[in-house]
PDB file of all heavy atoms in Angstrom:
ATOM      1  N   PHE A   1     -33.125  16.863 -28.323  1.00  0.00           N
ATOM      2  CA  PHE A   1     -34.346  16.951 -27.512  1.00  0.00           C
ATOM      3  C   PHE A   1     -35.525  17.495 -28.291  1.00  0.00           C
ATOM      4  O   PHE A   1     -36.683  17.126 -28.015  1.00  0.00           O
ATOM      5  CB  PHE A   1     -34.099  17.807 -26.296  1.00  0.00           C
ATOM      6  CG  PHE A   1     -33.199  17.184 -25.264  1.00  0.00           C
ATOM      7  CD1 PHE A   1     -32.288  17.963 -24.531  1.00  0.00           C
ATOM      8  CD2 PHE A   1     -33.229  15.826 -25.029  1.00  0.00           C
ATOM      9  CE1 PHE A   1     -31.456  17.385 -23.604  1.00  0.00           C
ATOM     10  CE2 PHE A   1     -32.401  15.244 -24.085  1.00  0.00           C
ATOM     11  CZ  PHE A   1     -31.498  16.009 -23.374  1.00  0.00           C
ATOM     12  N   ASN A   2     -35.283  18.356 -29.285  1.00  0.00           N
ATOM     13  CA  ASN A   2     -36.403  19.048 -29.944  1.00  0.00           C
ATOM     14  C   ASN A   2     -36.716  18.547 -31.358  1.00  0.00           C
ATOM     15  O   ASN A   2     -37.884  18.664 -31.787  1.00  0.00           O
ATOM     16  CB  ASN A   2     -36.087  20.564 -30.041  1.00  0.00           C
ATOM     17  CG  ASN A   2     -35.968  21.162 -28.638  1.00  0.00           C
ATOM     18  OD1 ASN A   2     -36.770  20.883 -27.757  1.00  0.00           O
ATOM     19  ND2 ASN A   2     -34.944  22.022 -28.458  1.00  0.00           N
ATOM     20  N   GLU A   3     -35.707  18.005 -32.055  1.00  0.00           N
ATOM     21  CA  GLU A   3     -35.952  17.597 -33.437  1.00  0.00           C
ATOM     22  C   GLU A   3     -36.217  16.104 -33.596  1.00  0.00           C
ATOM     23  O   GLU A   3     -37.082  15.696 -34.373  1.00  0.00           O
ATOM     24  CB  GLU A   3     -34.747  17.994 -34.320  1.00  0.00           C
ATOM     25  CG  GLU A   3     -34.513  19.503 -34.398  1.00  0.00           C
ATOM     26  CD  GLU A   3     -35.701  20.231 -34.990  1.00  0.00           C
ATOM     27  OE1 GLU A   3     -36.329  19.695 -35.949  1.00  0.00           O
ATOM     28  OE2 GLU A   3     -36.033  21.321 -34.502  1.00  0.00           O
ATOM     29  N   LEU A   4     -35.511  15.247 -32.860  1.00  0.00           N
ATOM     30  CA  LEU A   4     -35.678  13.796 -33.027  1.00  0.00           C
ATOM     31  C   LEU A   4     -37.130  13.341 -32.762  1.00  0.00           C
ATOM     32  O   LEU A   4     -37.639  12.500 -33.484  1.00  0.00           O
ATOM     33  CB  LEU A   4     -34.697  13.041 -32.156  1.00  0.00           C
ATOM     34  CG  LEU A   4     -33.248  12.968 -32.662  1.00  0.00           C
ATOM     35  CD1 LEU A   4     -32.388  12.177 -31.692  1.00  0.00           C
ATOM     36  CD2 LEU A   4     -33.190  12.342 -34.024  1.00  0.00           C
ATOM     37  N   PRO A   5     -37.811  13.871 -31.739  1.00  0.00           N
ATOM     38  CA  PRO A   5     -39.197  13.413 -31.512  1.00  0.00           C
ATOM     39  C   PRO A   5     -40.112  13.715 -32.697  1.00  0.00           C
ATOM     40  O   PRO A   5     -41.130  12.997 -32.889  1.00  0.00           O
ATOM     41  CB  PRO A   5     -39.630  14.199 -30.269  1.00  0.00           C
ATOM     42  CG  PRO A   5     -38.369  14.490 -29.556  1.00  0.00           C
ATOM     43  CD  PRO A   5     -37.367  14.723 -30.635  1.00  0.00           C
ATOM     44  N   LYS A   6     -39.815  14.685 -33.510  1.00  0.00           N
ATOM     45  CA  LYS A   6     -40.683  15.065 -34.608  1.00  0.00           C
ATOM     46  C   LYS A   6     -40.769  14.004 -35.675  1.00  0.00           C
ATOM     47  O   LYS A   6     -41.735  13.971 -36.471  1.00  0.00           O
ATOM     48  CB  LYS A   6     -40.202  16.386 -35.213  1.00  0.00           C
ATOM     49  CG  LYS A   6     -40.307  17.585 -34.287  1.00  0.00           C
ATOM     50  CD  LYS A   6     -39.785  18.848 -34.972  1.00  0.00           C
ATOM     51  CE  LYS A   6     -39.863  20.041 -34.035  1.00  0.00           C
ATOM     52  NZ  LYS A   6     -39.321  21.286 -34.669  1.00  0.00           N
ATOM     53  N   THR A   7     -39.750  13.140 -35.743  1.00  0.00           N
ATOM     54  CA  THR A   7     -39.733  12.114 -36.803  1.00  0.00           C
ATOM     55  C   THR A   7     -39.826  10.693 -36.246  1.00  0.00           C
ATOM     56  O   THR A   7     -39.649   9.720 -37.001  1.00  0.00           O
ATOM     57  CB  THR A   7     -38.453  12.253 -37.647  1.00  0.00           C
ATOM     58  OG1 THR A   7     -37.294  12.265 -36.773  1.00  0.00           O
ATOM     59  CG2 THR A   7     -38.499  13.529 -38.461  1.00  0.00           C
ATOM     60  N   PHE A   8     -40.084  10.570 -34.962  1.00  0.00           N
ATOM     61  CA  PHE A   8     -40.194   9.205 -34.368  1.00  0.00           C
ATOM     62  C   PHE A   8     -41.605   8.665 -34.644  1.00  0.00           C
ATOM     63  O   PHE A   8     -42.571   9.090 -34.049  1.00  0.00           O
ATOM     64  CB  PHE A   8     -39.920   9.242 -32.886  1.00  0.00           C
ATOM     65  CG  PHE A   8     -39.893   7.885 -32.229  1.00  0.00           C
ATOM     66  CD1 PHE A   8     -38.849   7.018 -32.470  1.00  0.00           C
ATOM     67  CD2 PHE A   8     -40.932   7.450 -31.419  1.00  0.00           C
ATOM     68  CE1 PHE A   8     -38.817   5.736 -31.902  1.00  0.00           C
ATOM     69  CE2 PHE A   8     -40.909   6.194 -30.829  1.00  0.00           C
ATOM     70  CZ  PHE A   8     -39.847   5.349 -31.082  1.00  0.00           C
ATOM     71  N   ASN A   9     -41.684   7.735 -35.564  1.00  0.00           N
ATOM     72  CA  ASN A   9     -42.978   7.210 -35.981  1.00  0.00           C
ATOM     73  C   ASN A   9     -42.858   5.741 -36.407  1.00  0.00           C
ATOM     74  O   ASN A   9     -42.833   5.397 -37.574  1.00  0.00           O
ATOM     75  CB  ASN A   9     -43.542   8.035 -37.163  1.00  0.00           C
ATOM     76  CG  ASN A   9     -45.006   7.734 -37.428  1.00  0.00           C
ATOM     77  OD1 ASN A   9     -45.685   7.073 -36.649  1.00  0.00           O
ATOM     78  ND2 ASN A   9     -45.503   8.213 -38.571  1.00  0.00           N
ATOM     79  N   PRO A  10     -42.734   4.842 -35.390  1.00  0.00           N
ATOM     80  CA  PRO A  10     -42.490   3.420 -35.684  1.00  0.00           C
ATOM     81  C   PRO A  10     -43.723   2.709 -36.223  1.00  0.00           C
ATOM     82  O   PRO A  10     -44.418   1.965 -35.503  1.00  0.00           O
ATOM     83  CB  PRO A  10     -42.065   2.893 -34.321  1.00  0.00           C
ATOM     84  CG  PRO A  10     -42.783   3.769 -33.322  1.00  0.00           C
ATOM     85  CD  PRO A  10     -42.804   5.128 -33.950  1.00  0.00           C
ATOM     86  N   LYS A  11     -43.957   2.872 -37.525  1.00  0.00           N
ATOM     87  CA  LYS A  11     -45.192   2.360 -38.144  1.00  0.00           C
ATOM     88  C   LYS A  11     -45.246   0.833 -38.152  1.00  0.00           C
ATOM     89  O   LYS A  11     -46.305   0.246 -38.345  1.00  0.00           O
ATOM     90  CB  LYS A  11     -45.300   2.916 -39.553  1.00  0.00           C
ATOM     91  CG  LYS A  11     -45.452   4.433 -39.607  1.00  0.00           C
ATOM     92  CD  LYS A  11     -45.562   4.909 -41.044  1.00  0.00           C
ATOM     93  CE  LYS A  11     -45.750   6.430 -41.093  1.00  0.00           C
ATOM     94  NZ  LYS A  11     -45.868   6.927 -42.496  1.00  0.00           N
ATOM     95  N   ASP A  12     -44.069   0.162 -38.005  1.00  0.00           N
ATOM     96  CA  ASP A  12     -44.044  -1.302 -38.073  1.00  0.00           C
ATOM     97  C   ASP A  12     -44.008  -1.937 -36.693  1.00  0.00           C
ATOM     98  O   ASP A  12     -43.816  -3.168 -36.564  1.00  0.00           O
ATOM     99  CB  ASP A  12     -42.813  -1.761 -38.849  1.00  0.00           C
ATOM    100  CG  ASP A  12     -42.871  -1.323 -40.317  1.00  0.00           C
ATOM    101  OD1 ASP A  12     -43.972  -1.154 -40.851  1.00  0.00           O
ATOM    102  OD2 ASP A  12     -41.784  -1.156 -40.934  1.00  0.00           O
ATOM    103  N   TRP A  13     -44.144  -1.139 -35.649  1.00  0.00           N
ATOM    104  CA  TRP A  13     -44.129  -1.659 -34.282  1.00  0.00           C
ATOM    105  C   TRP A  13     -45.293  -2.597 -34.042  1.00  0.00           C
ATOM    106  O   TRP A  13     -46.462  -2.202 -34.174  1.00  0.00           O
ATOM    107  CB  TRP A  13     -44.127  -0.523 -33.276  1.00  0.00           C
ATOM    108  CG  TRP A  13     -44.382  -0.874 -31.853  1.00  0.00           C
ATOM    109  CD1 TRP A  13     -45.447  -0.501 -31.083  1.00  0.00           C
ATOM    110  CD2 TRP A  13     -43.537  -1.681 -30.996  1.00  0.00           C
ATOM    111  NE1 TRP A  13     -45.370  -0.973 -29.834  1.00  0.00           N
ATOM    112  CE2 TRP A  13     -44.193  -1.727 -29.707  1.00  0.00           C
ATOM    113  CE3 TRP A  13     -42.355  -2.347 -31.177  1.00  0.00           C
ATOM    114  CZ2 TRP A  13     -43.657  -2.424 -28.624  1.00  0.00           C
ATOM    115  CZ3 TRP A  13     -41.822  -3.039 -30.069  1.00  0.00           C
ATOM    116  CH2 TRP A  13     -42.464  -3.073 -28.832  1.00  0.00           C
ATOM    117  N   ASP A  14     -44.996  -3.841 -33.727  1.00  0.00           N
ATOM    118  CA  ASP A  14     -46.017  -4.844 -33.392  1.00  0.00           C
ATOM    119  C   ASP A  14     -45.504  -5.651 -32.223  1.00  0.00           C
ATOM    120  O   ASP A  14     -44.788  -6.620 -32.387  1.00  0.00           O
ATOM    121  CB  ASP A  14     -46.257  -5.749 -34.606  1.00  0.00           C
ATOM    122  CG  ASP A  14     -47.394  -6.750 -34.380  1.00  0.00           C
ATOM    123  OD1 ASP A  14     -47.807  -6.934 -33.208  1.00  0.00           O
ATOM    124  OD2 ASP A  14     -47.880  -7.339 -35.356  1.00  0.00           O
ATOM    125  N   PRO A  15     -45.882  -5.256 -31.004  1.00  0.00           N
ATOM    126  CA  PRO A  15     -45.320  -5.923 -29.821  1.00  0.00           C
ATOM    127  C   PRO A  15     -45.656  -7.385 -29.761  1.00  0.00           C
ATOM    128  O   PRO A  15     -44.876  -8.169 -29.198  1.00  0.00           O
ATOM    129  CB  PRO A  15     -45.937  -5.130 -28.662  1.00  0.00           C
ATOM    130  CG  PRO A  15     -47.126  -4.459 -29.220  1.00  0.00           C
ATOM    131  CD  PRO A  15     -46.820  -4.169 -30.633  1.00  0.00           C
ATOM    132  N   GLU A  16     -46.785  -7.787 -30.323  1.00  0.00           N
ATOM    133  CA  GLU A  16     -47.112  -9.228 -30.298  1.00  0.00           C
ATOM    134  C   GLU A  16     -46.088 -10.066 -31.046  1.00  0.00           C
ATOM    135  O   GLU A  16     -45.784 -11.189 -30.654  1.00  0.00           O
ATOM    136  CB  GLU A  16     -48.515  -9.464 -30.861  1.00  0.00           C
ATOM    137  CG  GLU A  16     -49.632  -9.171 -29.861  1.00  0.00           C
ATOM    138  CD  GLU A  16     -50.937  -9.873 -30.239  1.00  0.00           C
ATOM    139  OE1 GLU A  16     -50.912 -11.098 -30.487  1.00  0.00           O
ATOM    140  OE2 GLU A  16     -51.955  -9.149 -30.321  1.00  0.00           O
ATOM    141  N   ARG A  17     -45.539  -9.532 -32.132  1.00  0.00           N
ATOM    142  CA  ARG A  17     -44.529 -10.281 -32.856  1.00  0.00           C
ATOM    143  C   ARG A  17     -43.301 -10.523 -31.980  1.00  0.00           C
ATOM    144  O   ARG A  17     -42.757 -11.630 -31.963  1.00  0.00           O
ATOM    145  CB  ARG A  17     -44.133  -9.510 -34.130  1.00  0.00           C
ATOM    146  CG  ARG A  17     -45.180  -9.483 -35.218  1.00  0.00           C
ATOM    147  CD  ARG A  17     -44.638  -8.802 -36.457  1.00  0.00           C
ATOM    148  NE  ARG A  17     -45.607  -8.789 -37.530  1.00  0.00           N
ATOM    149  CZ  ARG A  17     -45.376  -8.256 -38.732  1.00  0.00           C
ATOM    150  NH1 ARG A  17     -44.198  -7.724 -38.992  1.00  0.00           N
ATOM    151  NH2 ARG A  17     -46.310  -8.282 -39.655  1.00  0.00           N
ATOM    152  N   LEU A  18     -42.863  -9.469 -31.300  1.00  0.00           N
ATOM    153  CA  LEU A  18     -41.690  -9.647 -30.418  1.00  0.00           C
ATOM    154  C   LEU A  18     -41.988 -10.577 -29.288  1.00  0.00           C
ATOM    155  O   LEU A  18     -41.153 -11.417 -28.936  1.00  0.00           O
ATOM    156  CB  LEU A  18     -41.265  -8.273 -29.858  1.00  0.00           C
ATOM    157  CG  LEU A  18     -40.542  -7.342 -30.802  1.00  0.00           C
ATOM    158  CD1 LEU A  18     -40.112  -6.081 -30.067  1.00  0.00           C
ATOM    159  CD2 LEU A  18     -39.317  -8.001 -31.417  1.00  0.00           C
ATOM    160  N   VAL A  19     -43.177 -10.466 -28.700  1.00  0.00           N
ATOM    161  CA  VAL A  19     -43.524 -11.348 -27.584  1.00  0.00           C
ATOM    162  C   VAL A  19     -43.596 -12.780 -28.040  1.00  0.00           C
ATOM    163  O   VAL A  19     -43.120 -13.702 -27.350  1.00  0.00           O
ATOM    164  CB  VAL A  19     -44.858 -10.888 -26.967  1.00  0.00           C
ATOM    165  CG1 VAL A  19     -45.359 -11.925 -25.955  1.00  0.00           C
ATOM    166  CG2 VAL A  19     -44.687  -9.540 -26.268  1.00  0.00           C
ATOM    167  N   MET A  20     -44.119 -13.040 -29.216  1.00  0.00           N
ATOM    168  CA  MET A  20     -44.200 -14.437 -29.703  1.00  0.00           C
ATOM    169  C   MET A  20     -42.802 -14.957 -30.030  1.00  0.00           C
ATOM    170  O   MET A  20     -42.503 -16.129 -29.777  1.00  0.00           O
ATOM    171  CB  MET A  20     -45.118 -14.485 -30.921  1.00  0.00           C
ATOM    172  CG  MET A  20     -46.595 -14.417 -30.567  1.00  0.00           C
ATOM    173  SD  MET A  20     -47.696 -14.720 -31.963  1.00  0.00           S
ATOM    174  CE  MET A  20     -47.574 -13.198 -32.864  1.00  0.00           C
ATOM    175  N   LEU A  21     -41.929 -14.116 -30.572  1.00  0.00           N
ATOM    176  CA  LEU A  21     -40.539 -14.534 -30.787  1.00  0.00           C
ATOM    177  C   LEU A  21     -39.874 -14.900 -29.465  1.00  0.00           C
ATOM    178  O   LEU A  21     -39.162 -15.919 -29.366  1.00  0.00           O
ATOM    179  CB  LEU A  21     -39.751 -13.425 -31.474  1.00  0.00           C
ATOM    180  CG  LEU A  21     -39.848 -13.301 -32.990  1.00  0.00           C
ATOM    181  CD1 LEU A  21     -39.217 -12.009 -33.476  1.00  0.00           C
ATOM    182  CD2 LEU A  21     -39.165 -14.505 -33.663  1.00  0.00           C
ATOM    183  N   ALA A  22     -40.077 -14.059 -28.454  1.00  0.00           N
ATOM    184  CA  ALA A  22     -39.502 -14.320 -27.126  1.00  0.00           C
ATOM    185  C   ALA A  22     -40.068 -15.618 -26.566  1.00  0.00           C
ATOM    186  O   ALA A  22     -39.322 -16.468 -26.011  1.00  0.00           O
ATOM    187  CB  ALA A  22     -39.791 -13.160 -26.186  1.00  0.00           C
ATOM    188  N   ARG A  23     -41.357 -15.805 -26.670  1.00  0.00           N
ATOM    189  CA  ARG A  23     -42.012 -17.011 -26.133  1.00  0.00           C
ATOM    190  C   ARG A  23     -41.474 -18.261 -26.819  1.00  0.00           C
ATOM    191  O   ARG A  23     -41.165 -19.257 -26.153  1.00  0.00           O
ATOM    192  CB  ARG A  23     -43.513 -16.890 -26.330  1.00  0.00           C
ATOM    193  CG  ARG A  23     -44.352 -17.965 -25.675  1.00  0.00           C
ATOM    194  CD  ARG A  23     -45.826 -17.651 -25.847  1.00  0.00           C
ATOM    195  NE  ARG A  23     -46.694 -18.602 -25.160  1.00  0.00           N
ATOM    196  CZ  ARG A  23     -47.179 -19.698 -25.694  1.00  0.00           C
ATOM    197  NH1 ARG A  23     -46.849 -20.001 -26.954  1.00  0.00           N
ATOM    198  NH2 ARG A  23     -47.970 -20.501 -25.005  1.00  0.00           N
ATOM    199  N   ASN A  24     -41.374 -18.225 -28.125  1.00  0.00           N
ATOM    200  CA  ASN A  24     -40.881 -19.389 -28.867  1.00  0.00           C
ATOM    201  C   ASN A  24     -39.413 -19.666 -28.600  1.00  0.00           C
ATOM    202  O   ASN A  24     -38.945 -20.801 -28.736  1.00  0.00           O
ATOM    203  CB  ASN A  24     -41.115 -19.209 -30.352  1.00  0.00           C
ATOM    204  CG  ASN A  24     -42.585 -19.325 -30.745  1.00  0.00           C
ATOM    205  OD1 ASN A  24     -43.373 -19.880 -29.987  1.00  0.00           O
ATOM    206  ND2 ASN A  24     -42.954 -18.810 -31.908  1.00  0.00           N
ATOM    207  N   ALA A  25     -38.649 -18.627 -28.219  1.00  0.00           N
ATOM    208  CA  ALA A  25     -37.247 -18.804 -27.900  1.00  0.00           C
ATOM    209  C   ALA A  25     -37.031 -19.359 -26.503  1.00  0.00           C
ATOM    210  O   ALA A  25     -35.905 -19.677 -26.119  1.00  0.00           O
ATOM    211  CB  ALA A  25     -36.495 -17.474 -28.019  1.00  0.00           C
ATOM    212  N   GLY A  26     -38.104 -19.453 -25.706  1.00  0.00           N
ATOM    213  CA  GLY A  26     -37.996 -19.992 -24.361  1.00  0.00           C
ATOM    214  C   GLY A  26     -37.893 -18.932 -23.288  1.00  0.00           C
ATOM    215  O   GLY A  26     -37.667 -19.264 -22.113  1.00  0.00           O
ATOM    216  N   MET A  27     -38.038 -17.681 -23.662  1.00  0.00           N
ATOM    217  CA  MET A  27     -37.938 -16.604 -22.678  1.00  0.00           C
ATOM    218  C   MET A  27     -39.227 -16.526 -21.860  1.00  0.00           C
ATOM    219  O   MET A  27     -40.341 -16.597 -22.426  1.00  0.00           O
ATOM    220  CB  MET A  27     -37.656 -15.284 -23.416  1.00  0.00           C
ATOM    221  CG  MET A  27     -36.311 -15.271 -24.112  1.00  0.00           C
ATOM    222  SD  MET A  27     -36.206 -14.026 -25.394  1.00  0.00           S
ATOM    223  CE  MET A  27     -34.420 -14.010 -25.723  1.00  0.00           C
ATOM    224  N   LYS A  28     -39.084 -16.340 -20.577  1.00  0.00           N
ATOM    225  CA  LYS A  28     -40.230 -16.328 -19.665  1.00  0.00           C
ATOM    226  C   LYS A  28     -40.623 -14.930 -19.261  1.00  0.00           C
ATOM    227  O   LYS A  28     -41.679 -14.737 -18.658  1.00  0.00           O
ATOM    228  CB  LYS A  28     -39.923 -17.134 -18.410  1.00  0.00           C
ATOM    229  CG  LYS A  28     -39.649 -18.608 -18.673  1.00  0.00           C
ATOM    230  CD  LYS A  28     -40.889 -19.290 -19.257  1.00  0.00           C
ATOM    231  CE  LYS A  28     -40.674 -20.799 -19.415  1.00  0.00           C
ATOM    232  NZ  LYS A  28     -41.833 -21.443 -20.040  1.00  0.00           N
TER     233      LYS A  28
END
């Protein structure tokens, strides 16, 4: 609870990439 949040830093998070992958896979 106290240490893990200190290092959570998803610098490569790009939700548009995931959404486009989902869209192209046919997910609605």
